[in-house]
Structures are given as C-alpha cells and as structure tokens.
Amino acid sequence: MVHITVLLVSPIQFLDLGPIDLFAMLRRSYFEACNLPSPLLNVALPDEDFQISYVVSPPLEEGEGVNADNGEGNAETKRINADELRTCDTTASVSLVSTHALTSLAVAPGKVDILLIPGPPPGTRPSAATCKWVQAHVEEGKVDLLTVCSGVYVAGFSGVLEGKKATGTRGVMDDLKKSFPGTEWYEDRRWMIDNGGKLWTSGGITNGMDMVAVYLRKRWPGVLSDTVLAMADVEVRPQLYGQSKAGWMGYFGWLVVRAWVGGFMPKKGSGASGTRHCCH
C-alpha cells in the first residue's frame, strides 16, 4: 500500500501541485485507460494498493503568528478546530476540497508514506496545529517529505529543516536563510535530497516536476517510472541550474526595463491576472 498525502496551506501555487499527477499515473487504471499492452499493465501499481489524500491546513487562530512558537501565544493555548474538512484557494482560481481533516486517523503519523507540500505565498506561517502535525510525521520516521517551491516554508516553520540541507525558490533565498538559519541552503540546485533520502526539497514551481521525477526513479526504478515519465513527456533537467543566480536576477532586471519602456508605447490590449502570489 502506498499512501500519499498532500498538505495544502491556502492559497497555493496551482502549478506546484502538478507533480501529484505523476504519482497518480503509476496506477494500473491509468495504464489501462491509455490502452497500454499487458507487459506494462503488469508493472503498474494496483489501484487498491494506492491512495492519495488531501489535507487543508486550518487557518491561524486570532493572535497566532510570528510569536506563536516563542512563548508569546503558546500553541497549547490555541483552540483550532482541526476536525473540519476545508477548501484551499489556488492561483488559478480553482478551489480544492480536502478529503481528510488534520485529525483524521487515516492521515495520522505512521499512516502516510509520502507527504507532498506545494507552495503557499512565500513566508506563509501555517497554524500551530499544522506544524505539529508535520513535525509528528517526520519524527515518526516513516514518511518521505517532499516540498515544492515555497512549500519549504511550511517545513521550516514546522521545525523539520533544522540541521538539514535544503533548497527553495531562488527569488526568496535570502529570506529563507534569514528565517531558518539552522538549515544549510543550496541556492544553485533545482532539488535537494537529505536525511537519508527522507527529505526532498525543490526550487521554484516546475522544479517540483524534476524533483518528483527523480524520486519516482529512485523509489520505482526501471520500467514503471520510465513509462510514466515518457507518457508525461517529463525530461529531468540537471540538478544544478545552468544560469547563476546573478544572471537569473539580471534577466528579471531586463524584464523590468522592457516593461518600463513598454509603458511609453501605445497599448494594443489589456488583460488581468488572477495570480495571488509569485514564486520564481
């Protein structure tokens, strides 16, 4: 049985959630729907031995925030109703509904094999109940923790990155270093693996696809993972970025100049963006 749980801290970057579909494609029912030949069907994971659950983090209680873990507003004094099923907003204006509450026994520590955390806006602090839940999963020792983009903040605030090696979106790397100084940050990598292969962190947005593709090949090496990645047309990029952070930031500076110059040009059309946050 493989149980994957996605922790959603609203609102999330919708693209960060994309890698969950690579996991879903491991199932035999997906292979059957694609009319794959019998030899490939036989390597797929049986549907009855595969489960994906979604948990939406409860919101911060009134008064809970930056000082919630230093004695000012102790987590034990908060009364968060973590038993409710909740919805999560996304940058694509799609609302996601949880399948389980934070307190559901089905997603309790020891019941989950893989915990995937897509990114909320950078710097978002989850509720104390959520942080305890993540920490309990990691301390129990069974779960593989995978964070995408700014989802690494959730892991950081949960206290599970202390003394670990990690990466995150390059656009907020300075803030990550300041917020979690006890973590060894690698800003030149699309993904990072630590804690004996139990901790996986990725850079911005689509780097999560690279990370999960590598994870699939390590956990299910051979025909199964190769088939899924071929069907999804996912080609893993190198772990090291081909462009330095300075060059990457310089490119965004150039985009600012182009936008500024364009402000003096006649407008050909207009559009609106529904995004709530930006992670590079």
Protein backbone atom coordinates (compact mmCIF):
# COMPACT_ATOMS: atom_id res chain seq x y z
CA MET A 1 0.00 0.00 0.00
CA VAL A 2 1.30 3.43 -0.97
CA HIS A 3 -0.42 6.34 0.75
CA ILE A 4 0.41 9.84 -0.48
CA THR A 5 -0.95 12.86 1.37
CA VAL A 6 -0.89 16.41 0.03
CA LEU A 7 -0.85 19.18 2.63
CA LEU A 8 -2.46 22.36 1.30
CA VAL A 9 -1.74 25.66 3.04
CA SER A 10 -4.08 28.09 1.33
CA PRO A 11 -3.63 29.70 -1.13
CA ILE A 12 -1.25 27.54 -3.14
CA GLN A 13 0.51 27.99 -6.46
CA PHE A 14 -1.54 25.66 -8.65
CA LEU A 15 1.44 24.57 -10.74
CA ASP A 16 3.19 23.40 -7.57
CA LEU A 17 0.54 20.70 -7.28
CA GLY A 18 1.31 19.32 -10.75
CA PRO A 19 3.77 16.62 -9.59
CA ILE A 20 0.98 14.77 -7.76
CA ASP A 21 -0.28 13.65 -11.16
CA LEU A 22 2.99 11.84 -11.83
CA PHE A 23 2.22 9.74 -8.76
CA ALA A 24 -1.37 9.19 -9.91
CA MET A 25 -0.12 7.92 -13.26
CA LEU A 26 1.56 4.97 -11.52
CA ARG A 27 -1.82 3.25 -11.13
CA ARG A 28 -2.93 0.31 -13.25
CA SER A 29 -6.25 2.03 -14.05
CA TYR A 30 -4.32 4.86 -15.69
CA PHE A 31 -2.26 2.42 -17.75
CA GLU A 32 -5.48 0.66 -18.79
CA ALA A 33 -7.10 3.96 -19.80
CA CYS A 34 -4.09 4.59 -22.04
CA ASN A 35 -4.54 1.17 -23.66
CA LEU A 36 -1.02 0.09 -22.80
CA PRO A 37 0.00 -3.51 -23.56
CA SER A 38 -0.21 -6.25 -20.92
CA PRO A 39 3.51 -6.32 -20.04
CA LEU A 40 3.26 -2.67 -18.99
CA LEU A 41 -0.05 -3.16 -17.18
CA ASN A 42 1.63 -5.81 -15.08
CA VAL A 43 4.23 -3.38 -13.69
CA ALA A 44 1.71 -0.67 -12.72
CA LEU A 45 0.61 -0.27 -9.10
CA PRO A 46 -2.75 -1.91 -8.26
CA ASP A 47 -5.38 0.71 -7.55
CA GLU A 48 -6.39 -0.99 -4.31
CA ASP A 49 -2.82 -0.56 -3.04
CA PHE A 50 -2.65 3.15 -3.85
CA GLN A 51 -4.24 6.17 -2.16
CA ILE A 52 -3.96 9.95 -2.46
CA SER A 53 -5.36 12.10 0.36
CA TYR A 54 -5.67 15.87 0.62
CA VAL A 55 -5.50 17.79 3.89
CA VAL A 56 -6.12 21.54 4.04
CA SER A 57 -4.34 23.33 6.87
CA PRO A 58 -6.67 25.05 9.34
CA PRO A 59 -6.16 28.83 9.50
CA LEU A 60 -4.17 30.67 12.12
CA GLU A 61 -6.06 31.40 15.30
CA GLU A 62 -6.50 35.02 16.32
CA GLY A 63 -3.26 36.17 17.91
CA GLU A 64 -1.26 33.28 16.45
CA GLY A 65 1.55 34.39 14.22
CA VAL A 66 5.22 35.23 14.25
CA ASN A 67 5.47 34.82 18.02
CA ALA A 68 3.33 31.70 18.26
CA ASP A 69 6.28 29.42 18.91
CA ASN A 70 8.40 31.52 21.28
CA GLY A 71 6.19 31.60 24.33
CA GLU A 72 4.03 34.56 23.31
CA GLY A 73 0.76 32.85 22.44
CA ASN A 74 1.81 29.29 23.20
CA ALA A 75 0.36 26.73 20.81
CA GLU A 76 -1.20 24.85 23.72
CA THR A 77 -3.47 27.82 24.45
CA LYS A 78 -4.91 27.84 20.95
CA ARG A 79 -8.14 26.04 20.20
CA ILE A 80 -8.11 25.32 16.46
CA ASN A 81 -10.87 23.15 15.11
CA ALA A 82 -8.74 20.80 13.04
CA ASP A 83 -11.57 18.29 12.58
CA GLU A 84 -13.25 20.14 9.72
CA LEU A 85 -12.90 19.43 6.03
CA ARG A 86 -11.77 22.62 4.36
CA THR A 87 -11.21 24.21 0.97
CA CYS A 88 -7.98 25.63 -0.40
CA ASP A 89 -7.70 28.54 -2.82
CA THR A 90 -5.22 28.46 -5.69
CA THR A 91 -3.58 30.94 -8.02
CA ALA A 92 -5.67 29.52 -10.87
CA SER A 93 -8.95 30.36 -9.09
CA VAL A 94 -9.65 26.66 -8.58
CA SER A 95 -10.85 25.64 -5.12
CA LEU A 96 -9.59 22.33 -3.78
CA VAL A 97 -11.55 20.36 -1.18
CA SER A 98 -9.82 18.25 1.44
CA THR A 99 -10.53 14.53 1.66
CA HIS A 100 -9.43 14.32 5.28
CA ALA A 101 -9.16 16.63 8.26
CA LEU A 102 -5.89 17.24 10.03
CA THR A 103 -7.03 14.98 12.88
CA SER A 104 -8.26 12.09 10.70
CA LEU A 105 -6.73 8.78 11.74
CA ALA A 106 -6.19 7.87 8.08
CA VAL A 107 -3.55 10.61 7.75
CA ALA A 108 -2.06 10.28 11.23
CA PRO A 109 1.71 9.83 11.66
CA GLY A 110 2.66 6.33 10.61
CA LYS A 111 -0.23 6.11 8.12
CA VAL A 112 1.36 8.16 5.32
CA ASP A 113 4.25 7.10 3.08
CA ILE A 114 4.78 10.33 1.15
CA LEU A 115 3.87 13.86 2.28
CA LEU A 116 3.84 16.43 -0.52
CA ILE A 117 3.65 20.15 0.31
CA PRO A 118 3.07 22.61 -2.57
CA GLY A 119 3.83 26.26 -2.01
CA PRO A 120 1.68 28.99 -0.44
CA PRO A 121 2.85 32.63 -0.69
CA PRO A 122 6.48 32.89 0.48
CA GLY A 123 6.73 33.41 4.22
CA THR A 124 3.32 31.93 5.00
CA ARG A 125 3.26 30.51 8.52
CA PRO A 126 0.92 27.54 8.98
CA SER A 127 -1.17 27.11 12.11
CA ALA A 128 0.49 25.60 15.15
CA ALA A 129 -1.70 22.51 14.73
CA THR A 130 -0.39 22.04 11.19
CA CYS A 131 3.23 22.50 12.25
CA LYS A 132 2.81 19.90 15.00
CA TRP A 133 1.23 17.51 12.51
CA VAL A 134 4.11 17.83 10.04
CA GLN A 135 6.68 17.51 12.81
CA ALA A 136 4.96 14.40 14.18
CA HIS A 137 5.06 12.75 10.76
CA VAL A 138 8.77 13.41 10.35
CA GLU A 139 9.62 12.32 13.88
CA GLU A 140 7.67 9.08 13.46
CA GLY A 141 10.16 8.22 10.72
CA LYS A 142 8.03 6.55 8.06
CA VAL A 143 7.16 9.45 5.79
CA ASP A 144 9.17 10.84 2.89
CA LEU A 145 8.69 14.63 2.97
CA LEU A 146 8.64 16.41 -0.40
CA THR A 147 8.25 20.20 -0.66
CA VAL A 148 7.73 22.19 -3.84
CA CYS A 149 8.87 25.80 -4.18
CA SER A 150 7.71 27.86 -1.18
CA GLY A 151 6.24 24.75 0.41
CA VAL A 152 9.65 24.60 2.07
CA TYR A 153 8.47 27.41 4.38
CA VAL A 154 5.86 25.05 5.81
CA ALA A 155 8.57 22.50 6.59
CA GLY A 156 10.79 25.22 8.03
CA PHE A 157 8.15 26.62 10.35
CA SER A 158 7.37 23.06 11.42
CA GLY A 159 10.94 22.74 12.67
CA VAL A 160 11.94 19.79 10.48
CA LEU A 161 14.69 21.56 8.49
CA GLU A 162 16.97 22.33 11.42
CA GLY A 163 20.42 20.93 10.69
CA LYS A 164 19.30 19.72 7.24
CA LYS A 165 20.30 20.52 3.67
CA ALA A 166 17.58 22.09 1.54
CA THR A 167 16.78 24.30 -1.39
CA GLY A 168 13.88 26.57 -2.30
CA THR A 169 12.82 29.13 -4.82
CA ARG A 170 15.76 31.38 -5.67
CA GLY A 171 13.69 34.55 -5.56
CA VAL A 172 13.33 34.36 -1.78
CA MET A 173 16.52 32.51 -0.87
CA ASP A 174 17.80 35.42 1.23
CA ASP A 175 14.59 35.35 3.26
CA LEU A 176 14.84 31.56 3.68
CA LYS A 177 18.36 31.90 5.03
CA LYS A 178 17.21 34.59 7.45
CA SER A 179 14.08 32.73 8.55
CA PHE A 180 15.78 29.35 9.00
CA PRO A 181 19.47 29.95 9.75
CA GLY A 182 19.89 26.43 11.09
CA THR A 183 19.36 24.98 7.61
CA GLU A 184 22.14 24.58 5.06
CA TRP A 185 20.70 26.19 1.93
CA TYR A 186 21.71 25.29 -1.63
CA GLU A 187 20.52 28.03 -3.93
CA ASP A 188 22.24 26.60 -7.02
CA ARG A 189 20.11 23.43 -7.19
CA ARG A 190 16.70 22.56 -8.58
CA TRP A 191 16.22 19.92 -5.90
CA MET A 192 18.00 18.67 -2.81
CA ILE A 193 17.88 15.32 -1.01
CA ASP A 194 18.82 14.89 2.66
CA ASN A 195 18.03 12.95 5.82
CA GLY A 196 18.90 9.61 4.26
CA GLY A 197 16.54 10.17 1.35
CA LYS A 198 13.59 11.09 3.59
CA LEU A 199 13.70 14.85 2.88
CA TRP A 200 13.26 16.24 -0.64
CA THR A 201 13.04 19.97 -1.38
CA SER A 202 12.77 21.73 -4.73
CA GLY A 203 13.30 25.17 -6.20
CA GLY A 204 10.62 27.29 -7.85
CA ILE A 205 7.39 25.83 -9.26
CA THR A 206 8.26 23.47 -12.15
CA ASN A 207 11.40 22.28 -10.40
CA GLY A 208 8.95 20.18 -8.41
CA MET A 209 8.40 18.09 -11.54
CA ASP A 210 12.13 17.45 -11.82
CA MET A 211 12.32 16.50 -8.15
CA VAL A 212 9.37 14.10 -8.26
CA ALA A 213 10.65 12.54 -11.48
CA VAL A 214 13.94 11.77 -9.73
CA TYR A 215 12.03 10.49 -6.71
CA LEU A 216 9.98 8.13 -8.89
CA ARG A 217 13.11 6.70 -10.44
CA LYS A 218 14.64 6.10 -7.03
CA ARG A 219 11.53 4.56 -5.44
CA TRP A 220 10.26 2.66 -8.50
CA PRO A 221 13.33 2.23 -10.69
CA GLY A 222 13.02 0.73 -14.13
CA VAL A 223 10.06 0.23 -16.44
CA LEU A 224 7.30 1.68 -14.22
CA SER A 225 8.82 5.11 -13.60
CA ASP A 226 10.29 5.29 -17.11
CA THR A 227 6.86 4.61 -18.61
CA VAL A 228 5.16 7.29 -16.52
CA LEU A 229 7.78 9.91 -17.33
CA ALA A 230 7.70 9.02 -21.03
CA MET A 231 3.89 9.34 -21.16
CA ALA A 232 4.08 12.66 -19.30
CA ASP A 233 6.94 13.80 -21.55
CA VAL A 234 8.95 14.82 -18.49
CA GLU A 235 12.67 15.12 -19.13
CA VAL A 236 14.58 15.73 -15.92
CA ARG A 237 16.74 18.83 -16.08
CA PRO A 238 20.16 18.87 -14.40
CA GLN A 239 20.15 19.30 -10.64
CA LEU A 240 22.41 22.34 -10.94
CA TYR A 241 20.97 25.40 -12.63
CA GLY A 242 22.64 26.31 -15.89
CA GLN A 243 22.44 30.00 -15.02
CA SER A 244 23.91 31.69 -11.96
CA LYS A 245 21.61 33.47 -9.54
CA ALA A 246 23.18 36.79 -10.57
CA GLY A 247 22.43 36.06 -14.22
CA TRP A 248 18.92 34.96 -13.35
CA MET A 249 18.28 38.14 -11.35
CA GLY A 250 19.80 40.18 -14.17
CA TYR A 251 17.26 38.72 -16.58
CA PHE A 252 14.41 39.88 -14.34
CA GLY A 253 16.04 43.31 -14.24
CA TRP A 254 15.96 43.32 -18.03
CA LEU A 255 12.27 42.41 -17.95
CA VAL A 256 11.64 45.39 -15.66
CA VAL A 257 13.40 47.68 -18.15
CA ARG A 258 11.37 46.25 -21.04
CA ALA A 259 8.14 46.75 -19.09
CA TRP A 260 9.15 50.32 -18.20
CA VAL A 261 9.93 51.15 -21.84
CA GLY A 262 6.72 49.46 -22.91
CA GLY A 263 4.82 51.80 -20.62
CA PHE A 264 5.55 54.60 -23.06
CA MET A 265 4.23 52.63 -26.03
CA PRO A 266 0.61 52.60 -27.24
CA LYS A 267 -1.45 49.82 -25.67
CA LYS A 268 -2.66 47.08 -28.03
CA GLY A 269 -4.80 45.31 -25.48
CA SER A 270 -5.29 44.67 -21.82
CA GLY A 271 -5.59 41.64 -19.60
CA ALA A 272 -5.99 40.67 -16.00
CA SER A 273 -4.05 38.26 -13.86
CA GLY A 274 -5.69 36.07 -11.26
CA THR A 275 -2.49 35.06 -9.52
CA ARG A 276 -2.26 35.65 -5.77
CA HIS A 277 1.46 35.28 -5.28
CA CYS A 278 4.65 34.84 -7.23
CA CYS A 279 7.47 32.35 -6.73
CA HIS A 280 10.33 32.28 -9.21
